[in-house]
Amino acid sequence: MDDKILQIINTVLTNRGKKTLEVFNRDLRLRDDIGFDSLDLAELTVRIEAEYGIDIFEDGIVNTVGEILKKIK
């Protein structure tokens, strides 16, 4: 699952012309460490929902990669 999330994150980064990640850890913050803005987060949400059938922001703000993984599980 980690590889798929990394792929989704990198797709969003690529679509916005930003540098992709080679590896990530669960503590990476979506805004501060990865550099996502609100449009990036919206695309991330749509892509994760399409892949896993879950809205990661349904219960509130998600700040880290680890929080995304927890919601998916």
PDB file of N, CA and C in Angstrom:
ATOM      1  N   MET A   1       0.825  -1.197   0.000  1.00  0.00           N
ATOM      2  CA  MET A   1       0.000   0.000   0.000  1.00  0.00           C
ATOM      3  C   MET A   1       0.868   1.260   0.000  1.00  0.00           C
ATOM      4  N   ASP A   2       1.997   1.231   0.717  1.00  0.00           N
ATOM      5  CA  ASP A   2       2.873   2.403   0.751  1.00  0.00           C
ATOM      6  C   ASP A   2       3.321   2.803  -0.649  1.00  0.00           C
ATOM      7  N   ASP A   3       3.663   1.800  -1.479  1.00  0.00           N
ATOM      8  CA  ASP A   3       4.117   2.098  -2.840  1.00  0.00           C
ATOM      9  C   ASP A   3       3.020   2.773  -3.664  1.00  0.00           C
ATOM     10  N   LYS A   4       1.780   2.324  -3.481  1.00  0.00           N
ATOM     11  CA  LYS A   4       0.659   2.906  -4.231  1.00  0.00           C
ATOM     12  C   LYS A   4       0.412   4.348  -3.795  1.00  0.00           C
ATOM     13  N   ILE A   5       0.496   4.610  -2.493  1.00  0.00           N
ATOM     14  CA  ILE A   5       0.311   5.979  -1.992  1.00  0.00           C
ATOM     15  C   ILE A   5       1.432   6.875  -2.506  1.00  0.00           C
ATOM     16  N   LEU A   6       2.669   6.370  -2.511  1.00  0.00           N
ATOM     17  CA  LEU A   6       3.784   7.137  -3.065  1.00  0.00           C
ATOM     18  C   LEU A   6       3.533   7.450  -4.537  1.00  0.00           C
ATOM     19  N   GLN A   7       3.027   6.480  -5.268  1.00  0.00           N
ATOM     20  CA  GLN A   7       2.723   6.693  -6.683  1.00  0.00           C
ATOM     21  C   GLN A   7       1.650   7.771  -6.854  1.00  0.00           C
ATOM     22  N   ILE A   8       0.606   7.730  -6.039  1.00  0.00           N
ATOM     23  CA  ILE A   8      -0.464   8.725  -6.120  1.00  0.00           C
ATOM     24  C   ILE A   8       0.078  10.121  -5.779  1.00  0.00           C
ATOM     25  N   ILE A   9       0.865  10.215  -4.716  1.00  0.00           N
ATOM     26  CA  ILE A   9       1.458  11.498  -4.329  1.00  0.00           C
ATOM     27  C   ILE A   9       2.323  12.039  -5.462  1.00  0.00           C
ATOM     28  N   ASN A  10       3.133  11.165  -6.055  1.00  0.00           N
ATOM     29  CA  ASN A  10       4.008  11.602  -7.140  1.00  0.00           C
ATOM     30  C   ASN A  10       3.232  11.999  -8.390  1.00  0.00           C
ATOM     31  N   THR A  11       2.106  11.365  -8.646  1.00  0.00           N
ATOM     32  CA  THR A  11       1.264  11.759  -9.773  1.00  0.00           C
ATOM     33  C   THR A  11       0.752  13.182  -9.570  1.00  0.00           C
ATOM     34  N   VAL A  12       0.299  13.472  -8.360  1.00  0.00           N
ATOM     35  CA  VAL A  12      -0.179  14.818  -8.045  1.00  0.00           C
ATOM     36  C   VAL A  12       0.961  15.830  -8.202  1.00  0.00           C
ATOM     37  N   LEU A  13       2.127  15.498  -7.666  1.00  0.00           N
ATOM     38  CA  LEU A  13       3.272  16.404  -7.775  1.00  0.00           C
ATOM     39  C   LEU A  13       3.661  16.636  -9.233  1.00  0.00           C
ATOM     40  N   THR A  14       3.693  15.582 -10.023  1.00  0.00           N
ATOM     41  CA  THR A  14       4.042  15.688 -11.437  1.00  0.00           C
ATOM     42  C   THR A  14       3.038  16.559 -12.184  1.00  0.00           C
ATOM     43  N   ASN A  15       1.750  16.341 -11.916  1.00  0.00           N
ATOM     44  CA  ASN A  15       0.709  17.118 -12.584  1.00  0.00           C
ATOM     45  C   ASN A  15       0.818  18.615 -12.291  1.00  0.00           C
ATOM     46  N   ARG A  16       1.395  18.954 -11.164  1.00  0.00           N
ATOM     47  CA  ARG A  16       1.518  20.355 -10.774  1.00  0.00           C
ATOM     48  C   ARG A  16       2.919  20.898 -11.045  1.00  0.00           C
ATOM     49  N   GLY A  17       3.766  20.094 -11.708  1.00  0.00           N
ATOM     50  CA  GLY A  17       5.101  20.559 -12.060  1.00  0.00           C
ATOM     51  C   GLY A  17       6.057  20.647 -10.883  1.00  0.00           C
ATOM     52  N   LYS A  18       5.808  19.842  -9.857  1.00  0.00           N
ATOM     53  CA  LYS A  18       6.644  19.860  -8.662  1.00  0.00           C
ATOM     54  C   LYS A  18       7.554  18.632  -8.641  1.00  0.00           C
ATOM     55  N   LYS A  19       8.616  18.723  -7.874  1.00  0.00           N
ATOM     56  CA  LYS A  19       9.574  17.630  -7.751  1.00  0.00           C
ATOM     57  C   LYS A  19       8.937  16.450  -7.021  1.00  0.00           C
ATOM     58  N   THR A  20       9.135  15.245  -7.574  1.00  0.00           N
ATOM     59  CA  THR A  20       8.552  14.042  -6.985  1.00  0.00           C
ATOM     60  C   THR A  20       9.410  13.509  -5.844  1.00  0.00           C
ATOM     61  N   LEU A  21       8.809  12.639  -5.058  1.00  0.00           N
ATOM     62  CA  LEU A  21       9.499  11.981  -3.948  1.00  0.00           C
ATOM     63  C   LEU A  21      10.034  10.635  -4.411  1.00  0.00           C
ATOM     64  N   GLU A  22      11.216  10.273  -3.958  1.00  0.00           N
ATOM     65  CA  GLU A  22      11.738   8.935  -4.253  1.00  0.00           C
ATOM     66  C   GLU A  22      11.306   7.956  -3.173  1.00  0.00           C
ATOM     67  N   VAL A  23      11.299   8.401  -1.951  1.00  0.00           N
ATOM     68  CA  VAL A  23      10.817   7.606  -0.816  1.00  0.00           C
ATOM     69  C   VAL A  23      10.081   8.556   0.117  1.00  0.00           C
ATOM     70  N   PHE A  24       9.296   7.981   0.972  1.00  0.00           N
ATOM     71  CA  PHE A  24       8.647   8.821   1.971  1.00  0.00           C
ATOM     72  C   PHE A  24       8.525   8.049   3.263  1.00  0.00           C
ATOM     73  N   ASN A  25       8.260   8.777   4.325  1.00  0.00           N
ATOM     74  CA  ASN A  25       7.970   8.118   5.587  1.00  0.00           C
ATOM     75  C   ASN A  25       6.631   8.629   6.094  1.00  0.00           C
ATOM     76  N   ARG A  26       6.114   7.954   7.061  1.00  0.00           N
ATOM     77  CA  ARG A  26       4.761   8.237   7.554  1.00  0.00           C
ATOM     78  C   ARG A  26       4.653   9.589   8.262  1.00  0.00           C
ATOM     79  N   ASP A  27       5.786  10.162   8.646  1.00  0.00           N
ATOM     80  CA  ASP A  27       5.771  11.436   9.368  1.00  0.00           C
ATOM     81  C   ASP A  27       5.780  12.655   8.446  1.00  0.00           C
ATOM     82  N   LEU A  28       5.933  12.445   7.144  1.00  0.00           N
ATOM     83  CA  LEU A  28       5.943  13.578   6.219  1.00  0.00           C
ATOM     84  C   LEU A  28       4.620  14.328   6.277  1.00  0.00           C
ATOM     85  N   ARG A  29       4.703  15.642   6.431  1.00  0.00           N
ATOM     86  CA  ARG A  29       3.507  16.484   6.449  1.00  0.00           C
ATOM     87  C   ARG A  29       3.169  16.884   5.018  1.00  0.00           C
ATOM     88  N   LEU A  30       1.914  16.768   4.679  1.00  0.00           N
ATOM     89  CA  LEU A  30       1.477  17.001   3.304  1.00  0.00           C
ATOM     90  C   LEU A  30       1.788  18.424   2.840  1.00  0.00           C
ATOM     91  N   ARG A  31       1.518  19.404   3.652  1.00  0.00           N
ATOM     92  CA  ARG A  31       1.750  20.795   3.256  1.00  0.00           C
ATOM     93  C   ARG A  31       3.200  21.217   3.476  1.00  0.00           C
ATOM     94  N   ASP A  32       3.707  21.020   4.670  1.00  0.00           N
ATOM     95  CA  ASP A  32       5.012  21.562   5.034  1.00  0.00           C
ATOM     96  C   ASP A  32       6.183  20.797   4.413  1.00  0.00           C
ATOM     97  N   ASP A  33       6.102  19.477   4.379  1.00  0.00           N
ATOM     98  CA  ASP A  33       7.227  18.677   3.891  1.00  0.00           C
ATOM     99  C   ASP A  33       7.127  18.355   2.400  1.00  0.00           C
ATOM    100  N   ILE A  34       5.931  18.000   1.949  1.00  0.00           N
ATOM    101  CA  ILE A  34       5.748  17.626   0.540  1.00  0.00           C
ATOM    102  C   ILE A  34       5.458  18.858  -0.310  1.00  0.00           C
ATOM    103  N   GLY A  35       4.869  19.878   0.284  1.00  0.00           N
ATOM    104  CA  GLY A  35       4.615  21.123  -0.438  1.00  0.00           C
ATOM    105  C   GLY A  35       3.256  21.197  -1.112  1.00  0.00           C
ATOM    106  N   PHE A  36       2.308  20.377  -0.660  1.00  0.00           N
ATOM    107  CA  PHE A  36       0.964  20.411  -1.240  1.00  0.00           C
ATOM    108  C   PHE A  36       0.251  21.703  -0.863  1.00  0.00           C
ATOM    109  N   ASP A  37      -0.500  22.236  -1.820  1.00  0.00           N
ATOM    110  CA  ASP A  37      -1.405  23.345  -1.542  1.00  0.00           C
ATOM    111  C   ASP A  37      -2.828  22.785  -1.612  1.00  0.00           C
ATOM    112  N   SER A  38      -3.813  23.656  -1.532  1.00  0.00           N
ATOM    113  CA  SER A  38      -5.201  23.175  -1.484  1.00  0.00           C
ATOM    114  C   SER A  38      -5.612  22.441  -2.762  1.00  0.00           C
ATOM    115  N   LEU A  39      -5.122  22.878  -3.922  1.00  0.00           N
ATOM    116  CA  LEU A  39      -5.440  22.171  -5.169  1.00  0.00           C
ATOM    117  C   LEU A  39      -4.807  20.787  -5.200  1.00  0.00           C
ATOM    118  N   ASP A  40      -3.583  20.679  -4.705  1.00  0.00           N
ATOM    119  CA  ASP A  40      -2.912  19.378  -4.629  1.00  0.00           C
ATOM    120  C   ASP A  40      -3.683  18.434  -3.704  1.00  0.00           C
ATOM    121  N   LEU A  41      -4.122  18.947  -2.571  1.00  0.00           N
ATOM    122  CA  LEU A  41      -4.867  18.124  -1.619  1.00  0.00           C
ATOM    123  C   LEU A  41      -6.200  17.661  -2.209  1.00  0.00           C
ATOM    124  N   ALA A  42      -6.837  18.532  -2.983  1.00  0.00           N
ATOM    125  CA  ALA A  42      -8.095  18.148  -3.632  1.00  0.00           C
ATOM    126  C   ALA A  42      -7.850  17.021  -4.626  1.00  0.00           C
ATOM    127  N   GLU A  43      -6.797  17.135  -5.440  1.00  0.00           N
ATOM    128  CA  GLU A  43      -6.489  16.072  -6.394  1.00  0.00           C
ATOM    129  C   GLU A  43      -6.107  14.789  -5.673  1.00  0.00           C
ATOM    130  N   LEU A  44      -5.323  14.904  -4.610  1.00  0.00           N
ATOM    131  CA  LEU A  44      -4.942  13.731  -3.818  1.00  0.00           C
ATOM    132  C   LEU A  44      -6.177  13.019  -3.291  1.00  0.00           C
ATOM    133  N   THR A  45      -7.117  13.785  -2.765  1.00  0.00           N
ATOM    134  CA  THR A  45      -8.355  13.211  -2.222  1.00  0.00           C
ATOM    135  C   THR A  45      -9.121  12.447  -3.290  1.00  0.00           C
ATOM    136  N   VAL A  46      -9.270  13.036  -4.458  1.00  0.00           N
ATOM    137  CA  VAL A  46     -10.004  12.397  -5.554  1.00  0.00           C
ATOM    138  C   VAL A  46      -9.307  11.109  -5.985  1.00  0.00           C
ATOM    139  N   ARG A  47      -7.997  11.153  -6.105  1.00  0.00           N
ATOM    140  CA  ARG A  47      -7.256   9.973  -6.557  1.00  0.00           C
ATOM    141  C   ARG A  47      -7.309   8.834  -5.532  1.00  0.00           C
ATOM    142  N   ILE A  48      -7.192   9.169  -4.260  1.00  0.00           N
ATOM    143  CA  ILE A  48      -7.261   8.130  -3.221  1.00  0.00           C
ATOM    144  C   ILE A  48      -8.671   7.564  -3.137  1.00  0.00           C
ATOM    145  N   GLU A  49      -9.667   8.414  -3.261  1.00  0.00           N
ATOM    146  CA  GLU A  49     -11.046   7.932  -3.231  1.00  0.00           C
ATOM    147  C   GLU A  49     -11.328   7.011  -4.416  1.00  0.00           C
ATOM    148  N   ALA A  50     -10.794   7.336  -5.583  1.00  0.00           N
ATOM    149  CA  ALA A  50     -10.980   6.486  -6.762  1.00  0.00           C
ATOM    150  C   ALA A  50     -10.292   5.136  -6.583  1.00  0.00           C
ATOM    151  N   GLU A  51      -9.140   5.142  -5.954  1.00  0.00           N
ATOM    152  CA  GLU A  51      -8.365   3.902  -5.776  1.00  0.00           C
ATOM    153  C   GLU A  51      -8.888   3.033  -4.635  1.00  0.00           C
ATOM    154  N   TYR A  52      -9.245   3.676  -3.507  1.00  0.00           N
ATOM    155  CA  TYR A  52      -9.583   2.927  -2.299  1.00  0.00           C
ATOM    156  C   TYR A  52     -11.037   3.070  -1.856  1.00  0.00           C
ATOM    157  N   GLY A  53     -11.794   3.962  -2.495  1.00  0.00           N
ATOM    158  CA  GLY A  53     -13.199   4.129  -2.133  1.00  0.00           C
ATOM    159  C   GLY A  53     -13.411   4.804  -0.791  1.00  0.00           C
ATOM    160  N   ILE A  54     -12.462   5.617  -0.373  1.00  0.00           N
ATOM    161  CA  ILE A  54     -12.578   6.289   0.917  1.00  0.00           C
ATOM    162  C   ILE A  54     -12.187   7.761   0.777  1.00  0.00           C
ATOM    163  N   ASP A  55     -12.957   8.637   1.418  1.00  0.00           N
ATOM    164  CA  ASP A  55     -12.645  10.060   1.458  1.00  0.00           C
ATOM    165  C   ASP A  55     -11.781  10.296   2.688  1.00  0.00           C
ATOM    166  N   ILE A  56     -10.493  10.561   2.478  1.00  0.00           N
ATOM    167  CA  ILE A  56      -9.567  10.683   3.605  1.00  0.00           C
ATOM    168  C   ILE A  56      -9.837  11.904   4.474  1.00  0.00           C
ATOM    169  N   PHE A  57     -10.559  12.882   3.954  1.00  0.00           N
ATOM    170  CA  PHE A  57     -10.867  14.091   4.716  1.00  0.00           C
ATOM    171  C   PHE A  57     -12.292  14.091   5.284  1.00  0.00           C
ATOM    172  N   GLU A  58     -12.978  12.972   5.176  1.00  0.00           N
ATOM    173  CA  GLU A  58     -14.367  12.882   5.632  1.00  0.00           C
ATOM    174  C   GLU A  58     -14.522  13.230   7.113  1.00  0.00           C
ATOM    175  N   ASP A  59     -13.576  12.783   7.935  1.00  0.00           N
ATOM    176  CA  ASP A  59     -13.673  12.998   9.383  1.00  0.00           C
ATOM    177  C   ASP A  59     -12.832  14.166   9.875  1.00  0.00           C
ATOM    178  N   GLY A  60     -12.331  14.970   8.964  1.00  0.00           N
ATOM    179  CA  GLY A  60     -11.522  16.120   9.355  1.00  0.00           C
ATOM    180  C   GLY A  60     -10.221  16.194   8.580  1.00  0.00           C
ATOM    181  N   ILE A  61      -9.362  17.081   9.021  1.00  0.00           N
ATOM    182  CA  ILE A  61      -8.098  17.360   8.347  1.00  0.00           C
ATOM    183  C   ILE A  61      -7.130  16.194   8.514  1.00  0.00           C
ATOM    184  N   VAL A  62      -6.426  15.881   7.435  1.00  0.00           N
ATOM    185  CA  VAL A  62      -5.357  14.896   7.445  1.00  0.00           C
ATOM    186  C   VAL A  62      -4.070  15.662   7.147  1.00  0.00           C
ATOM    187  N   ASN A  63      -3.072  15.515   8.015  1.00  0.00           N
ATOM    188  CA  ASN A  63      -1.857  16.302   7.880  1.00  0.00           C
ATOM    189  C   ASN A  63      -0.637  15.525   7.414  1.00  0.00           C
ATOM    190  N   THR A  64      -0.601  14.215   7.662  1.00  0.00           N
ATOM    191  CA  THR A  64       0.607  13.440   7.357  1.00  0.00           C
ATOM    192  C   THR A  64       0.283  12.232   6.480  1.00  0.00           C
ATOM    193  N   VAL A  65       1.322  11.682   5.890  1.00  0.00           N
ATOM    194  CA  VAL A  65       1.193  10.456   5.108  1.00  0.00           C
ATOM    195  C   VAL A  65       0.683   9.323   6.004  1.00  0.00           C
ATOM    196  N   GLY A  66       1.174   9.260   7.216  1.00  0.00           N
ATOM    197  CA  GLY A  66       0.739   8.227   8.162  1.00  0.00           C
ATOM    198  C   GLY A  66      -0.750   8.283   8.447  1.00  0.00           C
ATOM    199  N   GLU A  67      -1.300   9.478   8.535  1.00  0.00           N
ATOM    200  CA  GLU A  67      -2.739   9.624   8.773  1.00  0.00           C
ATOM    201  C   GLU A  67      -3.531   9.115   7.565  1.00  0.00           C
ATOM    202  N   ILE A  68      -3.011   9.325   6.360  1.00  0.00           N
ATOM    203  CA  ILE A  68      -3.670   8.779   5.157  1.00  0.00           C
ATOM    204  C   ILE A  68      -3.686   7.264   5.226  1.00  0.00           C
ATOM    205  N   LEU A  69      -2.547   6.676   5.533  1.00  0.00           N
ATOM    206  CA  LEU A  69      -2.446   5.222   5.587  1.00  0.00           C
ATOM    207  C   LEU A  69      -3.374   4.632   6.651  1.00  0.00           C
ATOM    208  N   LYS A  70      -3.471   5.318   7.787  1.00  0.00           N
ATOM    209  CA  LYS A  70      -4.358   4.869   8.873  1.00  0.00           C
ATOM    210  C   LYS A  70      -5.817   4.885   8.424  1.00  0.00           C
ATOM    211  N   LYS A  71      -6.214   5.933   7.703  1.00  0.00           N
ATOM    212  CA  LYS A  71      -7.607   6.037   7.228  1.00  0.00           C
ATOM    213  C   LYS A  71      -7.928   4.933   6.223  1.00  0.00           C
ATOM    214  N   ILE A  72      -6.946   4.600   5.376  1.00  0.00           N
ATOM    215  CA  ILE A  72      -7.173   3.578   4.348  1.00  0.00           C
ATOM    216  C   ILE A  72      -7.317   2.205   4.982  1.00  0.00           C
ATOM    217  N   LYS A  73      -6.537   1.953   6.004  1.00  0.00           N
ATOM    218  CA  LYS A  73      -6.602   0.646   6.676  1.00  0.00           C
ATOM    219  C   LYS A  73      -7.875   0.533   7.443  1.00  0.00           C
TER     220      LYS A  73
END
